[in-house]
Protein backbone atom coordinates (compact mmCIF):
# COMPACT_ATOMS: atom_id res chain seq x y z
CA MET A 1 128.29 34.73 4.13
CA ASP A 2 125.69 33.48 6.73
CA ASN A 3 128.14 33.45 9.51
CA THR A 4 129.38 36.47 8.67
CA LYS A 5 125.77 38.24 8.93
CA LYS A 6 125.30 36.41 12.21
CA THR A 7 128.26 37.73 13.74
CA SER A 8 127.56 41.51 12.58
CA LEU A 9 124.14 40.86 13.92
CA LYS A 10 125.47 39.78 17.38
CA HIS A 11 127.86 42.84 17.46
CA THR A 12 125.04 45.32 16.36
CA LEU A 13 122.96 44.17 19.23
CA LEU A 14 125.51 44.46 21.62
CA LYS A 15 126.35 47.87 20.10
CA PHE A 16 123.06 49.12 20.82
CA SER A 17 122.25 47.22 24.12
CA LEU A 18 125.50 48.03 25.73
CA VAL A 19 124.88 51.75 26.23
CA PRO A 20 121.46 51.84 27.81
CA VAL A 21 122.01 48.78 29.91
CA LEU A 22 125.20 50.35 31.32
CA VAL A 23 123.24 53.61 31.98
CA LEU A 24 120.54 51.51 33.74
CA GLY A 25 123.05 50.08 35.82
CA LEU A 26 124.62 53.35 36.85
CA VAL A 27 121.21 55.32 37.10
CA LEU A 28 120.05 52.10 39.66
CA THR A 29 123.54 52.24 41.22
CA PHE A 30 122.87 56.10 41.77
CA ILE A 31 119.23 55.75 43.01
CA SER A 32 119.98 52.39 45.25
CA THR A 33 123.19 54.21 46.91
CA ARG A 34 121.10 57.45 47.78
CA THR A 35 118.21 55.63 49.18
CA LEU A 36 120.45 53.51 51.19
CA VAL A 37 122.35 56.59 52.53
CA GLN A 38 119.15 58.38 53.05
CA VAL A 39 117.91 55.25 54.86
CA THR A 40 120.66 54.89 57.23
CA THR A 41 121.02 58.38 57.98
CA GLU A 42 117.43 58.16 58.77
CA GLN A 43 118.11 55.13 60.68
CA VAL A 44 121.14 56.74 62.99
CA SER A 45 118.91 59.73 63.73
CA GLN A 46 116.21 57.43 65.50
CA SER A 47 118.63 55.63 67.21
CA LEU A 48 120.41 58.15 68.78
CA LYS A 49 117.13 59.96 69.36
CA VAL A 50 115.87 56.90 71.19
CA ALA A 51 119.18 56.80 73.16
CA ALA A 52 118.96 60.45 74.05
CA ARG A 53 115.45 60.27 75.27
CA SER A 54 115.95 57.10 77.11
CA VAL A 55 118.85 59.10 79.17
CA TYR A 56 116.37 61.41 79.79
CA ASN A 57 113.67 59.25 80.95
CA THR A 58 116.29 56.93 82.77
CA TYR A 59 117.18 59.97 84.94
CA SER A 60 113.95 61.23 85.37
CA LEU A 61 113.03 57.87 86.66
CA ILE A 62 115.85 57.09 89.05
CA ALA A 63 116.28 60.91 90.16
CA PRO A 64 112.76 62.78 89.88
CA GLY A 65 113.09 66.28 90.67
CA ASP A 66 114.46 69.16 89.04
CA MET A 67 118.36 69.91 88.17
CA TYR A 68 120.36 72.40 90.02
CA GLU A 69 123.77 73.18 91.13
CA LYS A 70 124.80 73.14 95.26
CA ASP A 71 128.09 73.46 96.48
CA GLY A 72 129.70 72.91 93.20
CA MET A 73 127.83 69.72 92.59
CA ILE A 74 124.84 69.09 90.38
CA TYR A 75 121.64 67.28 91.89
CA LYS A 76 118.46 66.20 90.54
CA GLY A 77 115.98 65.88 92.87
CA ASP A 78 118.37 64.65 96.19
CA VAL A 79 120.24 62.52 93.69
CA VAL A 80 124.08 63.69 93.11
CA LEU A 81 124.77 63.42 89.63
CA THR A 82 128.48 64.82 89.70
CA GLY A 83 130.56 62.15 89.34
CA ASP A 84 128.60 59.14 89.16
CA TYR A 85 129.05 57.72 85.75
CA SER A 86 127.61 54.47 86.20
CA ILE A 87 124.40 54.99 84.45
CA VAL A 88 125.55 56.88 81.32
CA ASP A 89 128.15 53.78 81.13
CA SER A 90 125.47 51.34 81.25
CA LEU A 91 123.34 53.11 78.71
CA LYS A 92 126.78 53.44 76.18
CA GLU A 93 126.81 49.57 76.54
CA SER A 94 123.20 48.89 76.24
CA TYR A 95 123.03 51.06 73.01
CA GLY A 96 126.54 50.88 71.53
CA MET A 97 126.77 54.75 71.13
CA ASP A 98 128.49 57.86 73.68
CA ILE A 99 125.99 59.16 76.22
CA THR A 100 126.15 62.63 77.56
CA LEU A 101 124.36 64.76 80.07
CA PHE A 102 124.79 68.62 80.28
CA TYR A 103 123.53 70.84 82.83
CA GLY A 104 123.68 74.29 81.09
CA ASP A 105 126.19 73.90 78.05
CA LYS A 106 128.51 71.75 80.39
CA ARG A 107 129.13 68.20 80.47
CA ILE A 108 128.68 66.69 83.40
CA LEU A 109 128.24 62.85 82.99
CA THR A 110 129.78 61.70 79.54
CA THR A 111 131.29 58.48 78.25
CA LEU A 112 133.23 60.89 75.54
CA THR A 113 136.97 60.41 75.96
CA ASP A 114 139.92 62.51 74.92
CA GLU A 115 143.13 61.59 73.26
CA LYS A 116 144.55 60.50 76.70
CA GLY A 117 141.42 58.45 77.65
CA LYS A 118 139.73 61.04 80.10
CA ARG A 119 136.01 61.74 80.24
CA MET A 120 135.43 65.03 78.58
CA SER A 121 133.36 66.04 81.59
CA GLY A 122 133.56 69.99 82.06
CA THR A 123 133.66 70.70 78.41
CA SER A 124 130.86 73.16 76.79
CA ALA A 125 128.84 72.18 73.87
CA ASP A 126 128.66 74.02 70.77
CA GLY A 127 127.48 77.53 70.71
CA GLN A 128 124.92 76.61 67.77
CA VAL A 129 123.44 73.63 69.82
CA SER A 130 123.05 75.62 73.01
CA HIS A 131 121.17 78.14 71.08
CA TRP A 132 118.84 75.53 69.44
CA VAL A 133 118.39 73.49 72.36
CA LEU A 134 118.83 75.54 75.45
CA GLU A 135 117.33 78.79 74.16
CA ASN A 136 114.47 77.47 72.08
CA GLY A 137 114.04 74.11 73.74
CA LYS A 138 113.93 72.13 70.50
CA ASP A 139 115.80 68.60 69.62
CA TYR A 140 118.92 69.14 67.66
CA PHE A 141 120.22 66.37 65.14
CA SER A 142 123.55 66.88 62.89
CA GLU A 143 125.58 64.74 60.96
CA LYS A 144 128.97 66.91 61.70
CA ILE A 145 129.16 67.85 65.26
CA LYS A 146 132.80 68.48 66.36
CA ILE A 147 133.98 67.06 69.65
CA GLY A 148 137.49 66.92 70.89
CA GLY A 149 138.56 67.01 67.03
CA LYS A 150 136.54 64.07 66.14
CA SER A 151 133.53 64.33 63.94
CA TYR A 152 130.13 62.80 65.20
CA PHE A 153 126.70 62.22 64.51
CA GLY A 154 124.70 63.43 67.35
CA TYR A 155 121.39 64.01 69.02
CA TYR A 156 120.42 66.29 71.85
CA VAL A 157 117.05 66.67 73.73
CA PRO A 158 116.37 69.51 76.27
CA ILE A 159 116.13 68.74 79.85
CA TYR A 160 113.07 70.52 81.40
CA ASN A 161 112.68 71.42 85.23
CA LYS A 162 109.13 71.59 86.50
CA ASP A 163 108.78 75.37 86.05
CA GLY A 164 109.34 74.70 81.98
CA SER A 165 112.78 76.10 81.76
CA VAL A 166 115.38 74.26 79.86
CA VAL A 167 118.37 73.27 82.37
CA GLY A 168 120.61 70.86 80.42
CA MET A 169 120.66 68.25 77.50
CA ALA A 170 120.89 64.65 77.28
CA PHE A 171 123.05 63.89 74.23
CA ALA A 172 123.79 60.51 72.45
CA SER A 173 126.30 60.14 69.80
CA LYS A 174 128.28 57.89 67.10
CA THR A 175 131.44 58.78 65.75
CA ARG A 176 131.12 59.62 62.08
CA ALA A 177 133.69 57.72 61.11
CA SER A 178 131.71 54.40 62.24
CA VAL A 179 128.21 55.39 60.55
CA MET A 180 130.18 56.05 57.31
CA ALA A 181 131.78 52.54 57.24
CA PHE A 182 128.41 51.03 57.99
CA VAL A 183 127.23 53.18 54.74
CA ARG A 184 130.24 52.17 52.90
CA ASN A 185 129.60 48.43 53.35
CA ASN A 186 126.07 48.78 52.28
CA VAL A 187 126.86 50.60 49.37
CA ILE A 188 129.24 48.23 48.37
CA ASN A 189 126.53 45.41 48.98
CA SER A 190 124.40 47.92 46.57
CA VAL A 191 126.77 48.20 43.95
CA ALA A 192 127.51 44.62 43.73
CA ILE A 193 123.87 43.60 43.03
CA CYS A 194 123.43 46.56 40.65
CA VAL A 195 126.67 44.91 38.64
CA LEU A 196 125.00 41.70 38.70
CA VAL A 197 121.63 42.79 37.59
CA THR A 198 123.78 44.63 34.80
CA ILE A 199 125.70 41.83 33.52
CA ALA A 200 122.13 39.96 33.43
CA ALA A 201 120.87 42.24 31.44
CA LEU A 202 123.84 42.39 29.02
CA LEU A 203 123.42 38.57 28.37
CA CYS A 204 120.01 38.80 27.87
CA CYS A 205 120.43 41.49 25.26
CA ILE A 206 122.95 39.20 23.41
CA ALA A 207 120.58 36.18 23.26
CA ALA A 208 117.73 38.70 22.65
CA SER A 209 114.17 37.30 20.41
CA GLN A 210 111.15 38.95 19.09
CA LYS A 211 110.01 40.11 22.35
CA LEU A 212 113.50 41.40 23.62
CA VAL A 213 112.32 45.17 24.03
CA GLU A 214 109.03 43.73 25.63
CA ALA A 215 110.63 41.78 27.94
CA LEU A 216 113.51 44.26 28.82
CA LYS A 217 110.80 47.29 29.43
CA SER A 218 109.25 44.95 31.96
CA ILE A 219 112.69 44.08 33.78
CA MET A 220 113.48 48.22 33.76
CA ASP A 221 110.14 48.92 35.04
CA TYR A 222 110.42 46.20 38.08
CA LEU A 223 114.00 47.41 39.06
CA GLY A 224 112.99 51.19 38.95
CA HIS A 225 110.52 49.75 41.76
CA LEU A 226 112.95 48.06 43.40
CA ALA A 227 115.29 50.71 43.54
CA ASN A 228 112.73 53.08 44.88
CA SER A 229 112.08 50.30 47.73
CA ASP A 230 108.89 49.43 46.44
CA PHE A 231 108.45 45.62 46.75
CA SER A 232 105.01 45.49 46.33
CA THR A 233 105.83 45.01 42.41
CA LYS A 234 105.93 41.41 41.07
CA MET A 235 108.23 40.10 38.31
CA PRO A 236 105.93 39.56 35.09
CA ILE A 237 105.00 35.99 34.66
CA SER A 238 105.92 36.40 30.97
CA VAL A 239 109.54 37.27 31.85
CA LEU A 240 109.85 34.29 34.40
CA ARG A 241 108.48 31.86 32.06
CA ARG A 242 111.22 32.15 29.55
CA LYS A 243 114.01 29.79 29.35
CA ASP A 244 116.92 31.95 28.04
CA GLU A 245 118.83 34.70 29.94
CA ILE A 246 115.95 37.33 30.11
CA GLY A 247 114.26 34.69 32.23
CA ALA A 248 116.88 34.18 34.31
CA MET A 249 117.37 38.07 34.73
CA GLY A 250 114.02 38.24 35.99
CA SER A 251 114.50 35.53 38.69
CA TYR A 252 117.73 37.07 39.75
CA ALA A 253 116.16 40.62 40.36
CA ALA A 254 113.52 39.09 42.11
CA THR A 255 116.13 37.19 44.39
CA VAL A 256 117.55 40.48 45.08
CA SER A 257 114.05 42.05 45.87
CA CYS A 258 113.71 39.52 48.29
CA SER A 259 117.26 40.12 49.63
CA LEU A 260 116.76 43.65 49.99
CA LYS A 261 113.67 43.60 51.54
CA ASP A 262 114.70 41.23 54.25
CA MET A 263 117.86 43.46 54.69
CA ILE A 264 115.94 46.54 55.02
CA THR A 265 112.72 45.01 56.59
CA THR A 266 114.10 42.02 58.85
CA ASP A 267 116.04 41.98 62.39
CA PRO A 268 118.95 39.63 61.32
CA LEU A 269 119.64 37.87 64.55
CA THR A 270 115.50 37.47 65.29
CA GLY A 271 114.29 37.06 61.80
CA LEU A 272 111.87 39.45 63.25
CA LEU A 273 110.31 42.81 61.61
CA ASN A 274 112.80 45.72 62.35
CA ARG A 275 112.04 48.98 63.84
CA ARG A 276 111.65 50.74 60.39
CA ALA A 277 109.42 47.78 59.07
CA CYS A 278 107.43 47.83 61.93
CA ARG A 279 106.35 51.25 62.13
CA SER A 280 105.55 51.38 58.36
CA ASN A 281 103.30 48.17 59.12
CA LEU A 282 101.84 49.35 62.63
CA GLN A 283 101.02 53.12 60.68
CA LYS A 284 98.97 50.83 58.11
CA MET A 285 96.86 48.90 60.79
CA ILE A 286 96.17 52.06 63.10
CA GLU A 287 94.92 53.64 59.64
CA GLN A 288 92.68 50.52 58.73
CA CYS A 289 91.49 50.16 62.30
CA ARG A 290 89.98 53.88 62.20
CA GLU A 291 88.15 53.10 58.70
CA ASN A 292 86.99 50.21 60.20
CA ARG A 293 85.37 51.01 63.23
CA GLN A 294 84.69 47.25 64.20
CA GLN A 295 88.08 46.25 64.44
CA SER A 296 90.11 46.75 67.55
CA LEU A 297 94.04 47.30 67.84
CA SER A 298 96.12 46.90 71.07
CA VAL A 299 99.87 47.84 71.27
CA THR A 300 102.43 46.71 73.63
CA ILE A 301 106.26 47.09 74.21
CA GLY A 302 108.16 44.53 76.07
CA ASP A 303 111.58 44.65 77.73
CA ILE A 304 113.37 41.44 78.76
CA ASP A 305 114.20 41.79 82.66
CA PHE A 306 117.79 42.00 83.75
CA PHE A 307 119.09 41.33 80.35
CA LYS A 308 122.21 43.19 80.84
CA ARG A 309 122.94 40.61 83.79
CA ILE A 310 122.86 37.50 81.27
CA ASN A 311 125.14 39.25 79.21
CA ASP A 312 127.20 39.67 81.72
CA THR A 313 127.27 36.58 83.52
CA TYR A 314 126.93 34.02 80.39
CA GLY A 315 128.18 36.23 77.44
CA HIS A 316 126.72 37.96 74.51
CA GLU A 317 126.14 34.43 72.62
CA CYS A 318 123.90 33.20 75.33
CA GLY A 319 122.10 36.82 75.03
CA ASP A 320 121.78 36.15 71.29
CA MET A 321 120.25 32.62 72.38
CA VAL A 322 117.86 34.51 74.48
CA LEU A 323 116.63 36.73 71.93
CA LYS A 324 116.08 34.24 69.26
CA SER A 325 114.32 31.90 72.05
CA ILE A 326 112.06 34.60 72.98
CA SER A 327 111.59 35.93 69.32
CA ASN A 328 110.42 32.20 68.43
CA ILE A 329 107.73 32.02 70.88
CA PHE A 330 106.43 35.62 70.30
CA LYS A 331 106.49 34.35 66.24
CA LYS A 332 104.53 30.95 67.41
CA ASN A 333 101.81 32.68 69.70
CA MET A 334 101.37 35.86 67.04
CA GLU A 335 101.14 33.91 63.80
CA GLU A 336 97.96 35.53 61.85
CA LYS A 337 97.12 37.07 65.01
CA GLY A 338 98.69 40.47 64.52
CA LEU A 339 102.33 41.51 64.30
CA VAL A 340 105.54 41.18 66.15
CA SER A 341 108.88 42.95 65.90
CA ARG A 342 112.57 43.54 67.20
CA TRP A 343 111.97 47.20 68.54
CA GLY A 344 115.15 47.64 69.59
CA GLY A 345 117.93 45.65 71.72
CA GLU A 346 115.85 43.57 74.25
CA GLU A 347 112.90 45.15 73.42
CA PHE A 348 110.01 44.00 71.37
CA LEU A 349 106.90 45.63 70.11
CA LEU A 350 103.52 43.72 69.51
CA VAL A 351 100.59 44.59 67.65
CA PHE A 352 97.03 42.30 68.75
CA GLU A 353 94.38 42.82 66.36
CA LEU A 354 92.02 42.36 69.61
CA PRO A 355 90.43 44.83 72.35
CA LEU A 356 92.72 45.73 75.53
CA ALA A 357 91.29 42.80 77.54
CA GLN A 358 91.76 40.27 75.24
CA ALA A 359 95.19 41.31 74.36
CA GLN A 360 96.13 41.31 77.90
CA GLU A 361 94.84 37.90 78.48
CA LYS A 362 96.83 36.74 75.24
CA LEU A 363 99.84 38.37 76.33
CA GLU A 364 99.71 36.94 80.20
CA GLN A 365 99.83 33.46 78.27
CA ILE A 366 102.98 34.18 76.26
CA ALA A 367 104.26 36.07 79.51
CA ASP A 368 103.84 32.45 81.51
CA GLU A 369 104.98 30.70 78.64
CA ILE A 370 108.57 32.63 78.72
CA ARG A 371 108.57 32.49 82.45
CA GLU A 372 108.08 29.00 82.21
CA THR A 373 111.03 28.26 79.54
CA ALA A 374 114.17 26.93 80.76
CA PHE A 375 116.83 28.21 79.03
CA ALA A 376 119.82 26.15 78.93
CA TYR A 377 123.20 27.21 78.19
CA GLU A 378 126.66 25.67 78.91
CA GLY A 379 125.28 23.33 81.26
CA GLU A 380 123.21 25.71 83.05
CA THR A 381 119.96 26.76 83.18
CA PHE A 382 117.83 29.83 83.92
CA SER A 383 114.42 31.58 83.57
CA VAL A 384 113.77 34.88 82.10
CA SER A 385 110.99 37.26 82.20
CA LEU A 386 109.56 40.26 80.70
CA THR A 387 107.90 43.64 81.58
CA PHE A 388 105.19 45.17 79.27
CA GLY A 389 103.32 48.02 78.46
CA LEU A 390 100.06 47.66 76.95
CA THR A 391 97.88 50.27 75.23
CA ASP A 392 95.01 50.23 72.92
CA VAL A 393 94.51 52.58 69.66
CA THR A 394 91.62 54.57 70.36
CA GLY A 395 90.55 58.27 69.14
CA GLU A 396 92.89 60.02 66.72
CA ARG A 397 96.23 59.84 68.50
CA SER A 398 99.29 59.38 66.04
CA LEU A 399 101.59 55.98 65.99
CA ASP A 400 104.15 57.92 68.15
CA GLU A 401 101.92 58.97 70.59
CA ILE A 402 100.67 55.30 70.94
CA VAL A 403 104.14 53.88 71.18
CA LYS A 404 104.95 56.43 73.88
CA GLU A 405 102.30 55.58 76.10
CA ALA A 406 103.25 52.00 75.46
CA ASP A 407 106.68 52.86 76.48
CA ASP A 408 105.54 55.16 79.33
CA LEU A 409 103.61 52.14 80.76
CA LEU A 410 106.65 49.76 80.34
CA TYR A 411 109.08 51.94 82.46
CA ARG A 412 106.51 52.17 84.81
CA GLY A 413 106.21 48.27 85.15
CA LYS A 414 110.17 48.55 85.42
CA ALA A 415 109.90 51.00 88.45
CA GLU A 416 107.16 49.07 90.14
CA GLY A 417 109.51 45.86 90.28
CA ARG A 418 109.66 44.09 86.56
CA ASN A 419 108.03 40.89 85.33
CA ARG A 420 104.57 42.29 84.84
CA ILE A 421 102.30 43.68 82.31
CA VAL A 422 101.18 47.39 82.91
CA THR A 423 97.91 48.52 80.82
CA SER A 424 96.48 51.69 79.80
CA GLY A 425 93.50 50.47 81.85
CA ASP A 426 95.56 50.33 84.72
CA ARG A 427 95.55 53.22 87.39
CA LYS A 428 98.43 54.12 89.28
CA GLU A 429 97.89 54.64 92.90
């Protein structure tokens, strides 16, 4: 009789807990999948935008002046663009995406190729793109751009002449297939995590005690925050102190939170904050700086000089070693003094909680340490330098405006010879 009652109770608990827990798992999977897809699309859009802007900025630095056609050739300033694919090929290698430069709606330089491997120069952009960018002068992003029978994620930015007219476009793209493959991998990981959490929840329900409902509600609330990318909520101590399966489930969820947080906020190679997490933290620091008028804030973007040459000479494994070593130097010097992130590729963004002059002094120390570091790889040693653009947070400028000034100062430092720090306090002669 007793055994029958115990067995019946187990079945009853399982019956009443199975449906809600499975529904929770499905909801968590759905929310996590949607969040990951949205975040991934946003990241792709931003990376394409950065690459397209880089095309515009690179050609503006290398070939200042208006873009025009003369004797069947396309010029920018005094530089002939037609037939010179070296820059778009270099940018493709740097960003890992296809690059195109348009004159009007015609592709004049591109890394895109047709089925026979021939560059698609001379082909035209879609009419909707031309209308939006060339006629309205606006950026254009789409997840379904058809080019040569293939579907792409792509970002267009207008190219202006000095008179303000839109004369062409810069375009960066990734095949939709490659982007969706990345999304699928993230979704699979998310589903696997949700399945593990759901299984843990079922085990906890089977071994339920007097406080079963309260404990499950605490865990459900925690997972709800996690599914919405809210990592500020902590797992209740009352759950973590349990010695049964419910306590284990709470621990698993906390571990999942750390893993998801690292995946979303941390650059996997260097261990630094990634671009998305850096933007979020920097925005909070800017707001705090404006609330506290006594607090100072300075922002710098640094780029490793001739990093492509390191990869070409020693290989990408050596390049990764350099990135990690420089990241460690940054982390050591920036501990409790600000913020450091891998902004993209060989670029780093640092935030000093210091006035501009003191930030420059500290940055000089860091730059000297990097220059004096002997990098060794397969029996060979070499040195590395960086170029920095440094500005301070003043007035009511937005995050994007502050970052753009630092980036512009960086490009100016590159143009003036690299291996230097250019600040907003400098005056260009």
